[in-house]
Amino acid sequence: MTRDKLVSPLIVALSLISGCDSEKATNLSYPEPGSSGARVLLEKCGICHAAPMPSSHGANIWPGILQRMQMRMTSKAQQTLSPEEAGILLEYLQRHASASEK
């Protein structure tokens, strides 16, 4: 097997591993760390990227972001949030949102 044939699968594997690292956010301090909202945020939003801090957006911005992420999950054939999870997450994000809009 040539070197090129070995390197290519390795690059793909490393890309997949680094692209969906649910441990990215573990060193950050999220509000109410034991709450169901924080749990949904870290478990669901941290699948393919670091879970965002709730204060990174204003309360009225979060519904659109959540809807967009649901659509992305659907397009990637990933399970979307249940209505209950989405409600818990949105309430958590809005409760801890930035006071100013970004």
N, C-alpha and C. Protein backbone atom coordinates (compact mmCIF):
# COMPACT_ATOMS: atom_id res chain seq x y z
N MET A 1 0.86 -1.18 0.00
CA MET A 1 0.00 0.00 0.00
C MET A 1 0.90 1.23 0.00
N THR A 2 0.60 2.21 -0.82
CA THR A 2 1.42 3.41 -0.90
C THR A 2 1.12 4.34 0.28
N ARG A 3 2.04 5.25 0.48
CA ARG A 3 1.90 6.21 1.59
C ARG A 3 0.63 7.04 1.44
N ASP A 4 0.30 7.48 0.22
CA ASP A 4 -0.90 8.28 -0.02
C ASP A 4 -2.17 7.54 0.36
N LYS A 5 -2.20 6.25 0.11
CA LYS A 5 -3.38 5.47 0.45
C LYS A 5 -3.54 5.29 1.95
N LEU A 6 -2.45 5.35 2.70
CA LEU A 6 -2.50 5.25 4.15
C LEU A 6 -2.86 6.57 4.80
N VAL A 7 -2.34 7.67 4.28
CA VAL A 7 -2.54 8.98 4.88
C VAL A 7 -3.99 9.43 4.74
N SER A 8 -4.59 9.20 3.61
CA SER A 8 -5.94 9.68 3.36
C SER A 8 -6.96 9.14 4.38
N PRO A 9 -7.02 7.84 4.64
CA PRO A 9 -7.97 7.36 5.66
C PRO A 9 -7.67 7.90 7.05
N LEU A 10 -6.39 8.11 7.35
CA LEU A 10 -6.01 8.65 8.64
C LEU A 10 -6.52 10.08 8.79
N ILE A 11 -6.39 10.88 7.75
CA ILE A 11 -6.88 12.26 7.79
C ILE A 11 -8.39 12.28 7.97
N VAL A 12 -9.10 11.43 7.27
CA VAL A 12 -10.55 11.35 7.41
C VAL A 12 -10.94 10.97 8.83
N ALA A 13 -10.28 9.97 9.39
CA ALA A 13 -10.59 9.52 10.75
C ALA A 13 -10.34 10.62 11.76
N LEU A 14 -9.20 11.30 11.65
CA LEU A 14 -8.90 12.39 12.58
C LEU A 14 -9.88 13.54 12.44
N SER A 15 -10.29 13.84 11.24
CA SER A 15 -11.28 14.90 11.02
C SER A 15 -12.60 14.56 11.68
N LEU A 16 -13.03 13.32 11.55
CA LEU A 16 -14.29 12.91 12.16
C LEU A 16 -14.22 12.95 13.67
N ILE A 17 -13.11 12.51 14.21
CA ILE A 17 -12.95 12.50 15.66
C ILE A 17 -12.94 13.92 16.20
N SER A 18 -12.18 14.81 15.58
CA SER A 18 -12.08 16.17 16.08
C SER A 18 -13.34 16.98 15.80
N GLY A 19 -14.10 16.63 14.78
CA GLY A 19 -15.30 17.38 14.43
C GLY A 19 -16.47 17.11 15.34
N CYS A 20 -16.48 16.01 16.04
CA CYS A 20 -17.58 15.67 16.94
C CYS A 20 -17.02 15.27 18.29
N ASP A 21 -16.43 16.19 18.96
CA ASP A 21 -15.80 15.94 20.25
C ASP A 21 -16.68 16.51 21.35
N SER A 22 -17.43 15.64 22.03
CA SER A 22 -18.36 16.12 23.06
C SER A 22 -17.64 16.57 24.33
N GLU A 23 -16.34 16.40 24.40
CA GLU A 23 -15.60 16.80 25.59
C GLU A 23 -15.06 18.22 25.48
N LYS A 24 -15.30 18.91 24.39
CA LYS A 24 -14.74 20.24 24.19
C LYS A 24 -15.16 21.23 25.26
N ALA A 25 -16.35 21.10 25.77
CA ALA A 25 -16.89 22.11 26.67
C ALA A 25 -16.70 21.78 28.14
N THR A 26 -16.05 20.69 28.47
CA THR A 26 -15.99 20.27 29.86
C THR A 26 -15.16 21.18 30.74
N ASN A 27 -14.26 21.98 30.18
CA ASN A 27 -13.44 22.87 30.99
C ASN A 27 -14.10 24.21 31.24
N LEU A 28 -15.25 24.47 30.62
CA LEU A 28 -15.96 25.73 30.81
C LEU A 28 -16.94 25.60 31.95
N SER A 29 -17.28 26.73 32.54
CA SER A 29 -18.23 26.74 33.64
C SER A 29 -19.56 27.31 33.15
N TYR A 30 -20.54 26.44 33.01
CA TYR A 30 -21.86 26.83 32.55
C TYR A 30 -22.75 27.13 33.74
N PRO A 31 -23.73 28.04 33.58
CA PRO A 31 -24.65 28.33 34.68
C PRO A 31 -25.46 27.08 35.06
N GLU A 32 -25.78 26.98 36.33
CA GLU A 32 -26.59 25.87 36.84
C GLU A 32 -26.10 24.51 36.30
N PRO A 33 -24.86 24.15 36.60
CA PRO A 33 -24.27 22.96 35.98
C PRO A 33 -25.06 21.66 36.17
N GLY A 34 -25.81 21.52 37.22
CA GLY A 34 -26.56 20.30 37.44
C GLY A 34 -27.97 20.31 36.89
N SER A 35 -28.37 21.39 36.28
CA SER A 35 -29.75 21.52 35.81
C SER A 35 -30.01 20.72 34.54
N SER A 36 -31.28 20.49 34.27
CA SER A 36 -31.65 19.76 33.05
C SER A 36 -31.30 20.59 31.82
N GLY A 37 -31.37 21.91 31.91
CA GLY A 37 -31.01 22.77 30.78
C GLY A 37 -29.54 22.66 30.43
N ALA A 38 -28.70 22.68 31.45
CA ALA A 38 -27.25 22.53 31.22
C ALA A 38 -26.95 21.14 30.66
N ARG A 39 -27.65 20.14 31.16
CA ARG A 39 -27.43 18.78 30.67
C ARG A 39 -27.77 18.66 29.19
N VAL A 40 -28.92 19.19 28.79
CA VAL A 40 -29.32 19.14 27.38
C VAL A 40 -28.31 19.91 26.53
N LEU A 41 -27.90 21.07 27.00
CA LEU A 41 -26.93 21.88 26.27
C LEU A 41 -25.65 21.09 26.02
N LEU A 42 -25.09 20.51 27.06
CA LEU A 42 -23.82 19.81 26.93
C LEU A 42 -23.94 18.50 26.16
N GLU A 43 -25.02 17.77 26.39
CA GLU A 43 -25.17 16.47 25.72
C GLU A 43 -25.57 16.61 24.26
N LYS A 44 -26.41 17.55 23.95
CA LYS A 44 -26.94 17.64 22.58
C LYS A 44 -26.17 18.66 21.73
N CYS A 45 -25.89 19.83 22.31
CA CYS A 45 -25.22 20.87 21.53
C CYS A 45 -23.72 20.62 21.43
N GLY A 46 -23.20 19.80 22.31
CA GLY A 46 -21.78 19.52 22.30
C GLY A 46 -21.39 18.31 21.47
N ILE A 47 -22.31 17.80 20.66
CA ILE A 47 -22.00 16.62 19.85
C ILE A 47 -20.97 16.95 18.77
N CYS A 48 -21.20 18.01 18.02
CA CYS A 48 -20.31 18.33 16.90
C CYS A 48 -19.55 19.64 17.06
N HIS A 49 -19.79 20.36 18.13
CA HIS A 49 -19.05 21.60 18.39
C HIS A 49 -19.14 21.88 19.88
N ALA A 50 -18.30 22.76 20.34
CA ALA A 50 -18.36 23.13 21.75
C ALA A 50 -19.72 23.78 22.03
N ALA A 51 -20.34 23.38 23.10
CA ALA A 51 -21.63 23.97 23.47
C ALA A 51 -21.42 25.44 23.76
N PRO A 52 -22.24 26.31 23.20
CA PRO A 52 -22.06 27.75 23.41
C PRO A 52 -22.46 28.17 24.82
N MET A 53 -21.87 29.24 25.27
CA MET A 53 -22.29 29.82 26.54
C MET A 53 -23.64 30.49 26.31
N PRO A 54 -24.59 30.33 27.21
CA PRO A 54 -25.89 30.98 27.04
C PRO A 54 -25.79 32.49 26.88
N SER A 55 -24.80 33.09 27.49
CA SER A 55 -24.64 34.54 27.43
C SER A 55 -24.03 35.02 26.11
N SER A 56 -23.76 34.10 25.19
CA SER A 56 -23.16 34.50 23.91
C SER A 56 -24.18 35.16 22.98
N HIS A 57 -25.47 35.09 23.32
CA HIS A 57 -26.52 35.71 22.50
C HIS A 57 -27.61 36.25 23.41
N GLY A 58 -28.39 37.17 22.88
CA GLY A 58 -29.54 37.70 23.60
C GLY A 58 -30.69 36.70 23.62
N ALA A 59 -31.60 36.86 24.56
CA ALA A 59 -32.71 35.93 24.73
C ALA A 59 -33.57 35.77 23.48
N ASN A 60 -33.80 36.87 22.76
CA ASN A 60 -34.67 36.76 21.58
C ASN A 60 -33.94 36.22 20.35
N ILE A 61 -32.63 36.02 20.43
CA ILE A 61 -31.85 35.44 19.34
C ILE A 61 -31.85 33.91 19.42
N TRP A 62 -31.91 33.39 20.64
CA TRP A 62 -31.79 31.94 20.83
C TRP A 62 -32.85 31.10 20.10
N PRO A 63 -34.11 31.50 20.01
CA PRO A 63 -35.07 30.66 19.29
C PRO A 63 -34.67 30.39 17.84
N GLY A 64 -34.18 31.41 17.16
CA GLY A 64 -33.74 31.23 15.77
C GLY A 64 -32.53 30.33 15.66
N ILE A 65 -31.60 30.48 16.60
CA ILE A 65 -30.40 29.63 16.59
C ILE A 65 -30.80 28.18 16.85
N LEU A 66 -31.67 27.97 17.81
CA LEU A 66 -32.12 26.62 18.12
C LEU A 66 -32.83 25.98 16.92
N GLN A 67 -33.66 26.75 16.25
CA GLN A 67 -34.35 26.24 15.06
C GLN A 67 -33.35 25.89 13.96
N ARG A 68 -32.35 26.75 13.75
CA ARG A 68 -31.34 26.49 12.73
C ARG A 68 -30.52 25.22 13.05
N MET A 69 -30.19 25.03 14.32
CA MET A 69 -29.44 23.83 14.71
C MET A 69 -30.28 22.56 14.52
N GLN A 70 -31.58 22.66 14.80
CA GLN A 70 -32.47 21.52 14.57
C GLN A 70 -32.48 21.15 13.08
N MET A 71 -32.53 22.17 12.22
CA MET A 71 -32.53 21.92 10.78
C MET A 71 -31.21 21.28 10.34
N ARG A 72 -30.10 21.73 10.91
CA ARG A 72 -28.80 21.13 10.58
C ARG A 72 -28.72 19.69 11.04
N MET A 73 -29.26 19.41 12.21
CA MET A 73 -29.27 18.03 12.70
C MET A 73 -30.07 17.14 11.75
N THR A 74 -31.21 17.64 11.30
CA THR A 74 -32.04 16.90 10.35
C THR A 74 -31.28 16.65 9.05
N SER A 75 -30.60 17.67 8.55
CA SER A 75 -29.89 17.52 7.29
C SER A 75 -28.71 16.57 7.40
N LYS A 76 -28.20 16.36 8.61
CA LYS A 76 -27.09 15.43 8.83
C LYS A 76 -27.58 14.08 9.34
N ALA A 77 -28.88 13.86 9.25
CA ALA A 77 -29.51 12.61 9.69
C ALA A 77 -29.22 12.30 11.16
N GLN A 78 -29.13 13.35 11.98
CA GLN A 78 -28.96 13.17 13.42
C GLN A 78 -30.32 13.36 14.08
N GLN A 79 -30.49 12.71 15.20
CA GLN A 79 -31.74 12.85 15.93
C GLN A 79 -31.86 14.27 16.48
N THR A 80 -32.98 14.91 16.21
CA THR A 80 -33.20 16.26 16.71
C THR A 80 -33.67 16.21 18.15
N LEU A 81 -33.73 17.37 18.75
CA LEU A 81 -34.22 17.46 20.12
C LEU A 81 -35.70 17.14 20.16
N SER A 82 -36.11 16.47 21.19
CA SER A 82 -37.54 16.25 21.39
C SER A 82 -38.16 17.60 21.75
N PRO A 83 -39.46 17.74 21.60
CA PRO A 83 -40.09 19.01 22.00
C PRO A 83 -39.81 19.36 23.47
N GLU A 84 -39.76 18.36 24.32
CA GLU A 84 -39.46 18.61 25.74
C GLU A 84 -38.03 19.11 25.91
N GLU A 85 -37.07 18.46 25.24
CA GLU A 85 -35.67 18.89 25.32
C GLU A 85 -35.50 20.30 24.76
N ALA A 86 -36.15 20.58 23.64
CA ALA A 86 -36.05 21.91 23.03
C ALA A 86 -36.59 22.98 23.98
N GLY A 87 -37.70 22.69 24.64
CA GLY A 87 -38.27 23.64 25.58
C GLY A 87 -37.37 23.88 26.78
N ILE A 88 -36.82 22.80 27.32
CA ILE A 88 -35.90 22.91 28.46
C ILE A 88 -34.67 23.72 28.06
N LEU A 89 -34.13 23.41 26.89
CA LEU A 89 -32.93 24.10 26.43
C LEU A 89 -33.19 25.57 26.17
N LEU A 90 -34.27 25.88 25.47
CA LEU A 90 -34.57 27.27 25.15
C LEU A 90 -34.79 28.08 26.43
N GLU A 91 -35.51 27.54 27.37
CA GLU A 91 -35.75 28.25 28.63
C GLU A 91 -34.43 28.51 29.34
N TYR A 92 -33.55 27.53 29.37
CA TYR A 92 -32.22 27.66 30.00
C TYR A 92 -31.40 28.73 29.30
N LEU A 93 -31.33 28.66 27.97
CA LEU A 93 -30.54 29.62 27.20
C LEU A 93 -31.07 31.04 27.39
N GLN A 94 -32.37 31.21 27.36
CA GLN A 94 -32.95 32.54 27.51
C GLN A 94 -32.78 33.08 28.94
N ARG A 95 -32.87 32.21 29.92
CA ARG A 95 -32.70 32.64 31.31
C ARG A 95 -31.28 33.15 31.56
N HIS A 96 -30.30 32.60 30.86
CA HIS A 96 -28.91 32.98 31.07
C HIS A 96 -28.32 33.75 29.89
N ALA A 97 -29.18 34.28 29.05
CA ALA A 97 -28.75 35.00 27.85
C ALA A 97 -28.12 36.34 28.21
N SER A 98 -27.42 36.87 27.24
CA SER A 98 -26.83 38.20 27.37
C SER A 98 -27.94 39.24 27.48
N ALA A 99 -27.68 40.27 28.28
CA ALA A 99 -28.66 41.35 28.40
C ALA A 99 -28.70 42.19 27.14
N SER A 100 -27.60 42.24 26.42
CA SER A 100 -27.57 42.99 25.17
C SER A 100 -27.63 42.01 24.00
N GLU A 101 -28.14 42.47 22.88
CA GLU A 101 -28.24 41.61 21.72
C GLU A 101 -26.94 41.65 20.95
N LYS A 102 -26.59 40.48 20.43
CA LYS A 102 -25.35 40.37 19.65
C LYS A 102 -25.68 39.86 18.29
